[in-house]
C-alpha atoms as a PDB file:
ATOM      1  CA  UNK A   1     146.530  81.200 111.471  1.00  0.00           C
ATOM      2  CA  UNK A   2     145.303  81.998 107.989  1.00  0.00           C
ATOM      3  CA  UNK A   3     144.550  78.307 107.371  1.00  0.00           C
ATOM      4  CA  UNK A   4     142.398  78.088 110.503  1.00  0.00           C
ATOM      5  CA  UNK A   5     140.389  81.131 109.474  1.00  0.00           C
ATOM      6  CA  UNK A   6     139.824  79.698 106.004  1.00  0.00           C
ATOM      7  CA  UNK A   7     138.570  76.408 107.432  1.00  0.00           C
ATOM      8  CA  UNK A   8     136.167  78.249 109.727  1.00  0.00           C
ATOM      9  CA  UNK A   9     134.691  80.169 106.805  1.00  0.00           C
ATOM     10  CA  UNK A  10     134.194  77.003 104.793  1.00  0.00           C
ATOM     11  CA  UNK A  11     132.385  75.341 107.668  1.00  0.00           C
ATOM     12  CA  UNK A  12     130.117  78.338 108.112  1.00  0.00           C
ATOM     13  CA  UNK A  13     129.323  78.303 104.407  1.00  0.00           C
ATOM     14  CA  UNK A  14     128.422  74.609 104.490  1.00  0.00           C
ATOM     15  CA  UNK A  15     126.140  75.152 107.481  1.00  0.00           C
ATOM     16  CA  UNK A  16     124.348  77.978 105.677  1.00  0.00           C
ATOM     17  CA  UNK A  17     123.834  75.819 102.591  1.00  0.00           C
ATOM     18  CA  UNK A  18     122.294  73.053 104.663  1.00  0.00           C
ATOM     19  CA  UNK A  19     119.900  75.562 106.219  1.00  0.00           C
ATOM     20  CA  UNK A  20     118.530  76.835 102.920  1.00  0.00           C
ATOM     21  CA  UNK A  21     114.793  76.403 102.637  1.00  0.00           C
ATOM     22  CA  UNK A  22     112.759  74.979  99.806  1.00  0.00           C
ATOM     23  CA  UNK A  23     111.471  77.668  97.480  1.00  0.00           C
ATOM     24  CA  UNK A  24     107.682  77.493  97.185  1.00  0.00           C
ATOM     25  CA  UNK A  25     105.469  79.221  94.615  1.00  0.00           C
ATOM     26  CA  UNK A  26     101.701  78.861  94.370  1.00  0.00           C
ATOM     27  CA  UNK A  27      99.268  79.613  91.554  1.00  0.00           C
ATOM     28  CA  UNK A  28      95.514  79.817  92.197  1.00  0.00           C
ATOM     29  CA  UNK A  29      92.798  79.357  89.594  1.00  0.00           C
ATOM     30  CA  UNK A  30      91.036  82.701  88.898  1.00  0.00           C
ATOM     31  CA  UNK A  31      87.784  81.821  90.673  1.00  0.00           C
ATOM     32  CA  UNK A  32      84.953  84.125  91.695  1.00  0.00           C
ATOM     33  CA  UNK A  33      82.631  81.358  92.843  1.00  0.00           C
ATOM     34  CA  UNK A  34      82.824  77.709  93.911  1.00  0.00           C
ATOM     35  CA  UNK A  35      80.876  74.920  95.613  1.00  0.00           C
ATOM     36  CA  UNK A  36      81.632  72.792  98.660  1.00  0.00           C
ATOM     37  CA  UNK A  37      82.533  69.957  96.276  1.00  0.00           C
ATOM     38  CA  UNK A  38      85.209  72.168  94.765  1.00  0.00           C
ATOM     39  CA  UNK A  39      86.957  73.037  98.042  1.00  0.00           C
ATOM     40  CA  UNK A  40      86.654  69.427  99.286  1.00  0.00           C
ATOM     41  CA  UNK A  41      89.114  68.703  96.492  1.00  0.00           C
ATOM     42  CA  UNK A  42      90.311  65.250  97.578  1.00  0.00           C
ATOM     43  CA  UNK A  43      86.819  63.709  97.773  1.00  0.00           C
ATOM     44  CA  UNK A  44      85.207  65.674  94.947  1.00  0.00           C
ATOM     45  CA  UNK A  45      83.363  63.525  92.415  1.00  0.00           C
ATOM     46  CA  UNK A  46      83.924  66.191  89.728  1.00  0.00           C
ATOM     47  CA  UNK A  47      87.514  67.299  90.374  1.00  0.00           C
ATOM     48  CA  UNK A  48      88.715  70.516  88.716  1.00  0.00           C
ATOM     49  CA  UNK A  49      92.036  72.313  88.713  1.00  0.00           C
ATOM     50  CA  UNK A  50      92.122  74.743  91.634  1.00  0.00           C
ATOM     51  CA  UNK A  51      95.806  75.401  92.357  1.00  0.00           C
ATOM     52  CA  UNK A  52      99.406  74.510  91.536  1.00  0.00           C
ATOM     53  CA  UNK A  53     102.292  74.315  94.004  1.00  0.00           C
ATOM     54  CA  UNK A  54     105.847  74.581  92.633  1.00  0.00           C
ATOM     55  CA  UNK A  55     108.673  73.418  94.927  1.00  0.00           C
ATOM     56  CA  UNK A  56     112.398  73.847  94.292  1.00  0.00           C
ATOM     57  CA  UNK A  57     115.176  72.697  96.593  1.00  0.00           C
ATOM     58  CA  UNK A  58     118.665  74.159  96.862  1.00  0.00           C
ATOM     59  CA  UNK A  59     120.559  70.924  97.608  1.00  0.00           C
ATOM     60  CA  UNK A  60     123.890  70.580  99.344  1.00  0.00           C
ATOM     61  CA  UNK A  61     126.183  68.955  96.775  1.00  0.00           C
ATOM     62  CA  UNK A  62     124.505  66.090  94.943  1.00  0.00           C
ATOM     63  CA  UNK A  63     122.360  64.966  97.845  1.00  0.00           C
ATOM     64  CA  UNK A  64     118.650  65.245  96.849  1.00  0.00           C
ATOM     65  CA  UNK A  65     116.101  65.979  99.538  1.00  0.00           C
ATOM     66  CA  UNK A  66     112.690  64.566 100.294  1.00  0.00           C
ATOM     67  CA  UNK A  67     109.825  66.667 101.612  1.00  0.00           C
ATOM     68  CA  UNK A  68     106.253  66.429 102.812  1.00  0.00           C
ATOM     69  CA  UNK A  69     103.438  68.915 102.352  1.00  0.00           C
ATOM     70  CA  UNK A  70     100.702  70.130 104.709  1.00  0.00           C
ATOM     71  CA  UNK A  71      97.634  72.176 103.760  1.00  0.00           C
ATOM     72  CA  UNK A  72      95.143  73.833 106.107  1.00  0.00           C
ATOM     73  CA  UNK A  73      91.989  75.662 105.024  1.00  0.00           C
ATOM     74  CA  UNK A  74      90.334  78.695 106.657  1.00  0.00           C
ATOM     75  CA  UNK A  75      87.101  80.529 105.767  1.00  0.00           C
ATOM     76  CA  UNK A  76      86.152  84.139 106.569  1.00  0.00           C
ATOM     77  CA  UNK A  77      82.696  85.141 105.281  1.00  0.00           C
ATOM     78  CA  UNK A  78      81.691  88.692 104.456  1.00  0.00           C
ATOM     79  CA  UNK A  79      79.045  88.540 107.203  1.00  0.00           C
ATOM     80  CA  UNK A  80      81.844  88.421 109.789  1.00  0.00           C
ATOM     81  CA  UNK A  81      81.661  84.717 110.623  1.00  0.00           C
ATOM     82  CA  UNK A  82      84.837  82.669 110.249  1.00  0.00           C
ATOM     83  CA  UNK A  83      86.320  79.266 110.995  1.00  0.00           C
ATOM     84  CA  UNK A  84      89.796  77.738 110.848  1.00  0.00           C
ATOM     85  CA  UNK A  85      91.076  74.339 109.782  1.00  0.00           C
ATOM     86  CA  UNK A  86      88.039  73.360 107.775  1.00  0.00           C
ATOM     87  CA  UNK A  87      90.350  70.961 105.992  1.00  0.00           C
ATOM     88  CA  UNK A  88      93.749  69.471 106.722  1.00  0.00           C
ATOM     89  CA  UNK A  89      95.926  67.423 104.417  1.00  0.00           C
ATOM     90  CA  UNK A  90      99.360  65.860 104.829  1.00  0.00           C
ATOM     91  CA  UNK A  91     101.277  64.049 102.116  1.00  0.00           C
ATOM     92  CA  UNK A  92     103.672  61.157 102.346  1.00  0.00           C
ATOM     93  CA  UNK A  93     107.359  62.033 101.804  1.00  0.00           C
ATOM     94  CA  UNK A  94     108.247  62.619  98.161  1.00  0.00           C
ATOM     95  CA  UNK A  95     111.483  63.291  96.274  1.00  0.00           C
ATOM     96  CA  UNK A  96     112.316  66.813  95.099  1.00  0.00           C
ATOM     97  CA  UNK A  97     115.498  66.162  93.050  1.00  0.00           C
ATOM     98  CA  UNK A  98     115.577  69.214  93.018  1.00  0.00           C
ATOM     99  CA  UNK A  99     112.062  70.364  92.030  1.00  0.00           C
ATOM    100  CA  UNK A 100     108.479  69.098  92.081  1.00  0.00           C
ATOM    101  CA  UNK A 101     105.186  70.521  90.808  1.00  0.00           C
ATOM    102  CA  UNK A 102     101.909  69.422  92.403  1.00  0.00           C
ATOM    103  CA  UNK A 103      98.320  70.373  91.684  1.00  0.00           C
ATOM    104  CA  UNK A 104      95.234  69.639  93.736  1.00  0.00           C
ATOM    105  CA  UNK A 105      94.525  66.852  91.216  1.00  0.00           C
ATOM    106  CA  UNK A 106      97.922  65.264  91.943  1.00  0.00           C
ATOM    107  CA  UNK A 107      97.211  65.291  95.667  1.00  0.00           C
ATOM    108  CA  UNK A 108      94.316  62.859  95.121  1.00  0.00           C
ATOM    109  CA  UNK A 109      96.840  60.108  94.294  1.00  0.00           C
ATOM    110  CA  UNK A 110      96.719  57.431  97.069  1.00  0.00           C
ATOM    111  CA  UNK A 111     100.505  56.989  96.723  1.00  0.00           C
ATOM    112  CA  UNK A 112     100.939  60.636  97.752  1.00  0.00           C
ATOM    113  CA  UNK A 113      98.092  61.225 100.191  1.00  0.00           C
ATOM    114  CA  UNK A 114      98.833  60.409 103.827  1.00  0.00           C
ATOM    115  CA  UNK A 115      96.087  62.147 105.831  1.00  0.00           C
ATOM    116  CA  UNK A 116      93.028  64.168 104.788  1.00  0.00           C
ATOM    117  CA  UNK A 117      90.320  65.652 107.024  1.00  0.00           C
ATOM    118  CA  UNK A 118      87.387  67.750 105.827  1.00  0.00           C
ATOM    119  CA  UNK A 119      85.377  68.993 108.817  1.00  0.00           C
ATOM    120  CA  UNK A 120      81.741  69.351 107.740  1.00  0.00           C
ATOM    121  CA  UNK A 121      80.754  70.318 111.295  1.00  0.00           C
ATOM    122  CA  UNK A 122      82.741  73.527 110.920  1.00  0.00           C
ATOM    123  CA  UNK A 123      80.902  74.260 107.687  1.00  0.00           C
ATOM    124  CA  UNK A 124      77.613  73.781 109.521  1.00  0.00           C
ATOM    125  CA  UNK A 125      78.788  76.349 112.084  1.00  0.00           C
ATOM    126  CA  UNK A 126      78.930  78.843 109.213  1.00  0.00           C
ATOM    127  CA  UNK A 127      75.511  77.801 107.923  1.00  0.00           C
ATOM    128  CA  UNK A 128      77.039  76.386 104.743  1.00  0.00           C
ATOM    129  CA  UNK A 129      75.766  72.791 104.787  1.00  0.00           C
ATOM    130  CA  UNK A 130      72.249  73.635 103.616  1.00  0.00           C
ATOM    131  CA  UNK A 131      73.676  75.686 100.789  1.00  0.00           C
ATOM    132  CA  UNK A 132      75.904  72.822  99.724  1.00  0.00           C
ATOM    133  CA  UNK A 133      73.044  70.318  99.666  1.00  0.00           C
ATOM    134  CA  UNK A 134      70.995  72.627  97.446  1.00  0.00           C
ATOM    135  CA  UNK A 135      73.816  72.699  94.909  1.00  0.00           C
ATOM    136  CA  UNK A 136      74.186  76.456  95.263  1.00  0.00           C
ATOM    137  CA  UNK A 137      77.403  78.407  95.453  1.00  0.00           C
ATOM    138  CA  UNK A 138      79.474  79.001  98.557  1.00  0.00           C
ATOM    139  CA  UNK A 139      78.695  82.276 100.321  1.00  0.00           C
ATOM    140  CA  UNK A 140      80.831  85.317  99.581  1.00  0.00           C
ATOM    141  CA  UNK A 141      84.044  85.543 101.574  1.00  0.00           C
ATOM    142  CA  UNK A 142      87.762  84.832 101.687  1.00  0.00           C
ATOM    143  CA  UNK A 143      88.809  81.178 101.441  1.00  0.00           C
ATOM    144  CA  UNK A 144      92.476  80.562 102.258  1.00  0.00           C
ATOM    145  CA  UNK A 145      94.686  77.484 101.944  1.00  0.00           C
ATOM    146  CA  UNK A 146      97.865  77.648 104.051  1.00  0.00           C
ATOM    147  CA  UNK A 147     100.604  75.516 102.470  1.00  0.00           C
ATOM    148  CA  UNK A 148     103.684  74.366 104.439  1.00  0.00           C
ATOM    149  CA  UNK A 149     106.491  72.187 103.030  1.00  0.00           C
ATOM    150  CA  UNK A 150     109.057  70.521 105.293  1.00  0.00           C
ATOM    151  CA  UNK A 151     112.439  69.280 104.065  1.00  0.00           C
ATOM    152  CA  UNK A 152     113.651  65.742 104.898  1.00  0.00           C
ATOM    153  CA  UNK A 153     117.306  64.663 104.797  1.00  0.00           C
ATOM    154  CA  UNK A 154     118.497  61.129 105.573  1.00  0.00           C
ATOM    155  CA  UNK A 155     114.950  60.161 106.479  1.00  0.00           C
ATOM    156  CA  UNK A 156     114.552  62.848 109.160  1.00  0.00           C
ATOM    157  CA  UNK A 157     112.751  66.229 109.023  1.00  0.00           C
ATOM    158  CA  UNK A 158     115.343  69.014 109.080  1.00  0.00           C
ATOM    159  CA  UNK A 159     113.013  71.521 110.717  1.00  0.00           C
ATOM    160  CA  UNK A 160     113.378  73.784 107.686  1.00  0.00           C
ATOM    161  CA  UNK A 161     109.872  74.745 106.550  1.00  0.00           C
ATOM    162  CA  UNK A 162     108.625  77.032 103.801  1.00  0.00           C
ATOM    163  CA  UNK A 163     105.087  78.354 103.550  1.00  0.00           C
ATOM    164  CA  UNK A 164     102.753  80.162 101.165  1.00  0.00           C
ATOM    165  CA  UNK A 165      99.041  80.944 100.982  1.00  0.00           C
ATOM    166  CA  UNK A 166      96.508  80.274  98.240  1.00  0.00           C
ATOM    167  CA  UNK A 167      93.693  82.804  98.534  1.00  0.00           C
ATOM    168  CA  UNK A 168      90.288  82.881  96.829  1.00  0.00           C
ATOM    169  CA  UNK A 169      87.908  85.822  97.160  1.00  0.00           C
ATOM    170  CA  UNK A 170      84.408  84.674  96.242  1.00  0.00           C
ATOM    171  CA  UNK A 171      82.070  87.549  95.448  1.00  0.00           C
ATOM    172  CA  UNK A 172      79.345  85.429  93.851  1.00  0.00           C
ATOM    173  CA  UNK A 173      77.958  88.286  91.768  1.00  0.00           C
ATOM    174  CA  UNK A 174      74.318  87.566  91.065  1.00  0.00           C
ATOM    175  CA  UNK A 175      72.841  90.697  89.478  1.00  0.00           C
ATOM    176  CA  UNK A 176      73.593  93.669  87.259  1.00  0.00           C
ATOM    177  CA  UNK A 177      71.549  96.831  87.861  1.00  0.00           C
ATOM    178  CA  UNK A 178      71.632  99.703  85.357  1.00  0.00           C
ATOM    179  CA  UNK A 179      71.743 103.264  86.732  1.00  0.00           C
ATOM    180  CA  UNK A 180      72.427 105.855  84.002  1.00  0.00           C
ATOM    181  CA  UNK A 181      71.216 106.894  81.482  1.00  0.00           C
ATOM    182  CA  UNK A 182      67.743 106.626  82.959  1.00  0.00           C
ATOM    183  CA  UNK A 183      65.288 104.409  81.117  1.00  0.00           C
ATOM    184  CA  UNK A 184      63.353 106.425  78.543  1.00  0.00           C
ATOM    185  CA  UNK A 185      65.497 109.580  78.908  1.00  0.00           C
ATOM    186  CA  UNK A 186      64.977 111.596  75.697  1.00  0.00           C
ATOM    187  CA  UNK A 187      67.689 114.243  76.175  1.00  0.00           C
ATOM    188  CA  UNK A 188      70.904 112.259  76.429  1.00  0.00           C
ATOM    189  CA  UNK A 189      74.277 113.541  75.248  1.00  0.00           C
ATOM    190  CA  UNK A 190      75.903 111.985  72.155  1.00  0.00           C
ATOM    191  CA  UNK A 191      78.697 111.024  74.586  1.00  0.00           C
ATOM    192  CA  UNK A 192      76.780 109.751  77.597  1.00  0.00           C
ATOM    193  CA  UNK A 193      78.205 108.445  80.827  1.00  0.00           C
ATOM    194  CA  UNK A 194      77.031 104.882  81.526  1.00  0.00           C
ATOM    195  CA  UNK A 195      76.888 103.612  85.091  1.00  0.00           C
ATOM    196  CA  UNK A 196      75.669 100.363  86.647  1.00  0.00           C
ATOM    197  CA  UNK A 197      75.962  98.184  89.750  1.00  0.00           C
ATOM    198  CA  UNK A 198      77.817  94.874  89.636  1.00  0.00           C
ATOM    199  CA  UNK A 199      79.823  92.978  92.266  1.00  0.00           C
ATOM    200  CA  UNK A 200      82.284  91.398  89.822  1.00  0.00           C
ATOM    201  CA  UNK A 201      85.573  92.956  88.691  1.00  0.00           C
ATOM    202  CA  UNK A 202      84.661  93.400  85.019  1.00  0.00           C
ATOM    203  CA  UNK A 203      81.661  93.372  82.729  1.00  0.00           C
ATOM    204  CA  UNK A 204      80.657  93.923  79.118  1.00  0.00           C
ATOM    205  CA  UNK A 205      78.636  96.914  77.889  1.00  0.00           C
ATOM    206  CA  UNK A 206      76.666  96.633  74.657  1.00  0.00           C
ATOM    207  CA  UNK A 207      74.751  99.464  72.928  1.00  0.00           C
ATOM    208  CA  UNK A 208      72.323  98.900  70.049  1.00  0.00           C
ATOM    209  CA  UNK A 209      70.483 101.314  67.771  1.00  0.00           C
ATOM    210  CA  UNK A 210      66.718 100.883  67.732  1.00  0.00           C
ATOM    211  CA  UNK A 211      65.963 100.778  64.015  1.00  0.00           C
ATOM    212  CA  UNK A 212      62.737 101.979  62.322  1.00  0.00           C
ATOM    213  CA  UNK A 213      60.029  99.341  62.593  1.00  0.00           C
ATOM    214  CA  UNK A 214      61.465  97.768  65.735  1.00  0.00           C
ATOM    215  CA  UNK A 215      58.846  97.913  68.478  1.00  0.00           C
ATOM    216  CA  UNK A 216      60.698  96.490  71.470  1.00  0.00           C
ATOM    217  CA  UNK A 217      64.157  96.615  73.061  1.00  0.00           C
ATOM    218  CA  UNK A 218      64.438  92.864  72.476  1.00  0.00           C
ATOM    219  CA  UNK A 219      64.200  93.442  68.707  1.00  0.00           C
ATOM    220  CA  UNK A 220      66.948  96.055  68.875  1.00  0.00           C
ATOM    221  CA  UNK A 221      69.453  93.790  70.642  1.00  0.00           C
ATOM    222  CA  UNK A 222      68.972  91.087  68.019  1.00  0.00           C
ATOM    223  CA  UNK A 223      71.130  93.131  65.657  1.00  0.00           C
ATOM    224  CA  UNK A 224      74.773  94.201  65.593  1.00  0.00           C
ATOM    225  CA  UNK A 225      75.772  96.515  68.468  1.00  0.00           C
ATOM    226  CA  UNK A 226      76.930 100.054  67.834  1.00  0.00           C
ATOM    227  CA  UNK A 227      79.495  99.489  70.565  1.00  0.00           C
ATOM    228  CA  UNK A 228      80.467  96.434  72.576  1.00  0.00           C
ATOM    229  CA  UNK A 229      83.307  96.753  75.050  1.00  0.00           C
ATOM    230  CA  UNK A 230      84.733  95.123  78.182  1.00  0.00           C
ATOM    231  CA  UNK A 231      84.865  97.434  81.187  1.00  0.00           C
ATOM    232  CA  UNK A 232      86.923  97.068  84.356  1.00  0.00           C
ATOM    233  CA  UNK A 233      84.615  98.673  86.874  1.00  0.00           C
ATOM    234  CA  UNK A 234      81.060  99.968  86.606  1.00  0.00           C
ATOM    235  CA  UNK A 235      81.431 103.296  84.773  1.00  0.00           C
ATOM    236  CA  UNK A 236      82.016 103.971  81.067  1.00  0.00           C
ATOM    237  CA  UNK A 237      82.270 107.321  79.300  1.00  0.00           C
ATOM    238  CA  UNK A 238      81.241 107.040  75.640  1.00  0.00           C
ATOM    239  CA  UNK A 239      84.328 108.112  73.674  1.00  0.00           C
ATOM    240  CA  UNK A 240      84.304 111.147  71.395  1.00  0.00           C
ATOM    241  CA  UNK A 241      86.428 109.414  68.774  1.00  0.00           C
ATOM    242  CA  UNK A 242      87.459 106.028  67.467  1.00  0.00           C
ATOM    243  CA  UNK A 243      83.945 104.558  67.582  1.00  0.00           C
ATOM    244  CA  UNK A 244      80.653 105.082  65.794  1.00  0.00           C
ATOM    245  CA  UNK A 245      79.038 108.259  67.178  1.00  0.00           C
ATOM    246  CA  UNK A 246      75.548 108.216  68.658  1.00  0.00           C
ATOM    247  CA  UNK A 247      73.199 110.217  66.436  1.00  0.00           C
ATOM    248  CA  UNK A 248      70.900 113.047  67.658  1.00  0.00           C
ATOM    249  CA  UNK A 249      67.250 112.064  67.618  1.00  0.00           C
ATOM    250  CA  UNK A 250      67.925 108.321  67.519  1.00  0.00           C
ATOM    251  CA  UNK A 251      66.975 105.835  70.223  1.00  0.00           C
ATOM    252  CA  UNK A 252      69.423 103.286  71.588  1.00  0.00           C
ATOM    253  CA  UNK A 253      69.110 100.214  73.802  1.00  0.00           C
ATOM    254  CA  UNK A 254      71.845  99.138  76.198  1.00  0.00           C
ATOM    255  CA  UNK A 255      72.616  96.331  78.570  1.00  0.00           C
ATOM    256  CA  UNK A 256      75.505  95.073  80.672  1.00  0.00           C
ATOM    257  CA  UNK A 257      76.639  91.464  81.064  1.00  0.00           C
ATOM    258  CA  UNK A 258      78.740  90.339  84.002  1.00  0.00           C
ATOM    259  CA  UNK A 259      80.846  87.211  83.897  1.00  0.00           C
ATOM    260  CA  UNK A 260      81.667  85.191  87.016  1.00  0.00           C
ATOM    261  CA  UNK A 261      84.524  82.660  86.748  1.00  0.00           C
ATOM    262  CA  UNK A 262      83.931  79.251  88.331  1.00  0.00           C
ATOM    263  CA  UNK A 263      86.045  76.169  89.032  1.00  0.00           C
ATOM    264  CA  UNK A 264      87.153  74.176  86.021  1.00  0.00           C
ATOM    265  CA  UNK A 265      87.546  77.229  83.786  1.00  0.00           C
ATOM    266  CA  UNK A 266      83.813  77.745  83.313  1.00  0.00           C
ATOM    267  CA  UNK A 267      81.918  81.007  83.603  1.00  0.00           C
ATOM    268  CA  UNK A 268      78.405  82.201  84.243  1.00  0.00           C
ATOM    269  CA  UNK A 269      76.970  85.173  82.345  1.00  0.00           C
ATOM    270  CA  UNK A 270      74.749  87.508  84.345  1.00  0.00           C
ATOM    271  CA  UNK A 271      72.764  89.932  82.205  1.00  0.00           C
ATOM    272  CA  UNK A 272      71.024  93.140  83.160  1.00  0.00           C
ATOM    273  CA  UNK A 273      67.605  94.190  81.965  1.00  0.00           C
ATOM    274  CA  UNK A 274      67.352  96.271  78.792  1.00  0.00           C
ATOM    275  CA  UNK A 275      67.127 100.067  78.880  1.00  0.00           C
ATOM    276  CA  UNK A 276      66.575 102.625  76.136  1.00  0.00           C
ATOM    277  CA  UNK A 277      67.436 106.306  75.737  1.00  0.00           C
ATOM    278  CA  UNK A 278      67.205 108.919  72.996  1.00  0.00           C
ATOM    279  CA  UNK A 279      69.988 111.305  72.059  1.00  0.00           C
ATOM    280  CA  UNK A 280      68.961 114.954  72.224  1.00  0.00           C
ATOM    281  CA  UNK A 281      68.039 116.336  68.780  1.00  0.00           C
ATOM    282  CA  UNK A 282      70.183 119.409  69.288  1.00  0.00           C
ATOM    283  CA  UNK A 283      73.123 117.199  70.165  1.00  0.00           C
ATOM    284  CA  UNK A 284      73.368 118.788  73.611  1.00  0.00           C
ATOM    285  CA  UNK A 285      74.303 117.210  76.891  1.00  0.00           C
ATOM    286  CA  UNK A 286      71.952 115.151  79.035  1.00  0.00           C
ATOM    287  CA  UNK A 287      68.873 116.871  80.366  1.00  0.00           C
ATOM    288  CA  UNK A 288      69.325 118.703  83.621  1.00  0.00           C
ATOM    289  CA  UNK A 289      66.881 116.385  85.367  1.00  0.00           C
ATOM    290  CA  UNK A 290      69.007 113.404  84.366  1.00  0.00           C
ATOM    291  CA  UNK A 291      72.133 115.175  85.609  1.00  0.00           C
ATOM    292  CA  UNK A 292      70.422 115.902  88.913  1.00  0.00           C
ATOM    293  CA  UNK A 293      69.714 112.179  89.277  1.00  0.00           C
ATOM    294  CA  UNK A 294      73.393 111.495  88.637  1.00  0.00           C
ATOM    295  CA  UNK A 295      74.363 114.182  91.163  1.00  0.00           C
ATOM    296  CA  UNK A 296      72.132 112.581  93.793  1.00  0.00           C
ATOM    297  CA  UNK A 297      73.764 109.205  93.235  1.00  0.00           C
ATOM    298  CA  UNK A 298      77.260 110.723  93.406  1.00  0.00           C
ATOM    299  CA  UNK A 299      76.604 112.629  96.647  1.00  0.00           C
ATOM    300  CA  UNK A 300      75.236 109.560  98.399  1.00  0.00           C
ATOM    301  CA  UNK A 301      72.728 109.193 101.256  1.00  0.00           C
ATOM    302  CA  UNK A 302      74.085 112.178 103.220  1.00  0.00           C
ATOM    303  CA  UNK A 303      72.214 114.613 100.946  1.00  0.00           C
ATOM    304  CA  UNK A 304      69.061 112.585 100.317  1.00  0.00           C
ATOM    305  CA  UNK A 305      66.914 115.148 102.237  1.00  0.00           C
ATOM    306  CA  UNK A 306      67.920 117.856  99.737  1.00  0.00           C
ATOM    307  CA  UNK A 307      66.677 115.881  96.762  1.00  0.00           C
ATOM    308  CA  UNK A 308      63.600 114.660  98.655  1.00  0.00           C
ATOM    309  CA  UNK A 309      62.708 118.331  99.142  1.00  0.00           C
ATOM    310  CA  UNK A 310      63.060 118.975  95.397  1.00  0.00           C
ATOM    311  CA  UNK A 311      60.626 116.172  94.620  1.00  0.00           C
ATOM    312  CA  UNK A 312      58.182 116.936  97.422  1.00  0.00           C
ATOM    313  CA  UNK A 313      57.858 120.611  96.471  1.00  0.00           C
ATOM    314  CA  UNK A 314      57.725 119.952  92.744  1.00  0.00           C
ATOM    315  CA  UNK A 315      60.645 122.286  92.132  1.00  0.00           C
ATOM    316  CA  UNK A 316      61.784 122.747  88.537  1.00  0.00           C
ATOM    317  CA  UNK A 317      65.065 124.057  87.207  1.00  0.00           C
ATOM    318  CA  UNK A 318      65.331 127.542  85.714  1.00  0.00           C
ATOM    319  CA  UNK A 319      68.061 126.227  83.440  1.00  0.00           C
ATOM    320  CA  UNK A 320      70.762 128.121  85.306  1.00  0.00           C
ATOM    321  CA  UNK A 321      73.335 126.190  87.328  1.00  0.00           C
ATOM    322  CA  UNK A 322      75.622 127.892  89.816  1.00  0.00           C
ATOM    323  CA  UNK A 323      78.646 126.588  91.674  1.00  0.00           C
ATOM    324  CA  UNK A 324      79.775 128.765  94.579  1.00  0.00           C
ATOM    325  CA  UNK A 325      77.978 131.740  93.001  1.00  0.00           C
ATOM    326  CA  UNK A 326      79.435 131.227  89.519  1.00  0.00           C
ATOM    327  CA  UNK A 327      77.249 130.098  86.612  1.00  0.00           C
ATOM    328  CA  UNK A 328      78.440 126.883  84.976  1.00  0.00           C
ATOM    329  CA  UNK A 329      77.305 124.876  81.960  1.00  0.00           C
ATOM    330  CA  UNK A 330      75.695 121.459  82.081  1.00  0.00           C
ATOM    331  CA  UNK A 331      78.913 119.987  80.702  1.00  0.00           C
ATOM    332  CA  UNK A 332      80.833 121.549  83.589  1.00  0.00           C
ATOM    333  CA  UNK A 333      78.211 120.076  85.921  1.00  0.00           C
ATOM    334  CA  UNK A 334      78.883 116.662  84.433  1.00  0.00           C
ATOM    335  CA  UNK A 335      82.612 117.078  85.066  1.00  0.00           C
ATOM    336  CA  UNK A 336      81.811 118.135  88.629  1.00  0.00           C
ATOM    337  CA  UNK A 337      79.709 115.004  89.132  1.00  0.00           C
ATOM    338  CA  UNK A 338      82.674 112.868  88.071  1.00  0.00           C
ATOM    339  CA  UNK A 339      84.906 114.679  90.583  1.00  0.00           C
ATOM    340  CA  UNK A 340      82.314 114.116  93.322  1.00  0.00           C
ATOM    341  CA  UNK A 341      82.131 110.411  92.468  1.00  0.00           C
ATOM    342  CA  UNK A 342      85.897 110.208  92.948  1.00  0.00           C
ATOM    343  CA  UNK A 343      85.873 112.143  96.247  1.00  0.00           C
ATOM    344  CA  UNK A 344      82.365 112.683  97.733  1.00  0.00           C
ATOM    345  CA  UNK A 345      83.812 113.766 101.105  1.00  0.00           C
ATOM    346  CA  UNK A 346      85.171 116.944  99.471  1.00  0.00           C
ATOM    347  CA  UNK A 347      81.619 118.396  99.281  1.00  0.00           C
ATOM    348  CA  UNK A 348      80.998 120.742 102.232  1.00  0.00           C
ATOM    349  CA  UNK A 349      77.304 121.589 101.610  1.00  0.00           C
ATOM    350  CA  UNK A 350      74.512 121.420  99.032  1.00  0.00           C
ATOM    351  CA  UNK A 351      71.703 124.010  98.856  1.00  0.00           C
ATOM    352  CA  UNK A 352      68.620 124.405  96.667  1.00  0.00           C
ATOM    353  CA  UNK A 353      67.629 127.970  95.678  1.00  0.00           C
END
């Protein structure tokens, strides 16, 4: 009886081993933009590395397995339009023994390629063909490659399939717009808050001192920056230590450069215009008018009528700021603005008195 039970367990274990799937791992190039030629990777005349697919089998005994690979491509644009199966590729069977690594460049090999379809009609349905012919970038959206690998034993597909997705999110950032400090502001804090608009994930902020005798912002940025730093996001608070302090009474020029990664490891720098500001001579915080501009931006369009009323009536500040009936300093107002930026829905009402 014990021997029969033992044999049953061994058989069950062997069946489970045969059913084990191929392990699949994908690596995508860090792209933020691409062209039709890039995603049509089999026919591209300028092929670049786009992805890597790592396959590893868990063989039964010493019997190596073959496999074949299928790839399907879908597109979902940010304007809501989408299409499936823009491309389809199937490889010929290949040996794992027990692992295999393939890139999109490897898949161009005629000995490996079995079937490849790139449906330009589906691109036309998204309005992409004209863009491709002009040599411009693909529109912003999510571009997904669905990868499926099927195991083959003794010349027959086992039915065991493994899958993974390769996803690209193309933002195609095209501009950098500076927000704060305002251009020409002459009452900026020695530790100003910098803010700008950019669609990419990171950018570089550079600040230059405008030296005596320099007449234009362009002359100022020809020198060595006071501070140059990479920023994840679009907000940077000038630190109070560890860097060269901004001096009261001096004028500074700043700009932001975005960097968009493209296929083949290249990048495209996108630079903002130049802006200047002057640090307050008394070393105080930004002028109240500048802070009000920041407050308007933080509150968003819901309170635009309040600030329109301020401008239309020519209202000017008395220099006193109150929050819920309690007088606060301009520095406390700045901290409040940062809290509002993080959670604008927490504001119940805004009144001008």
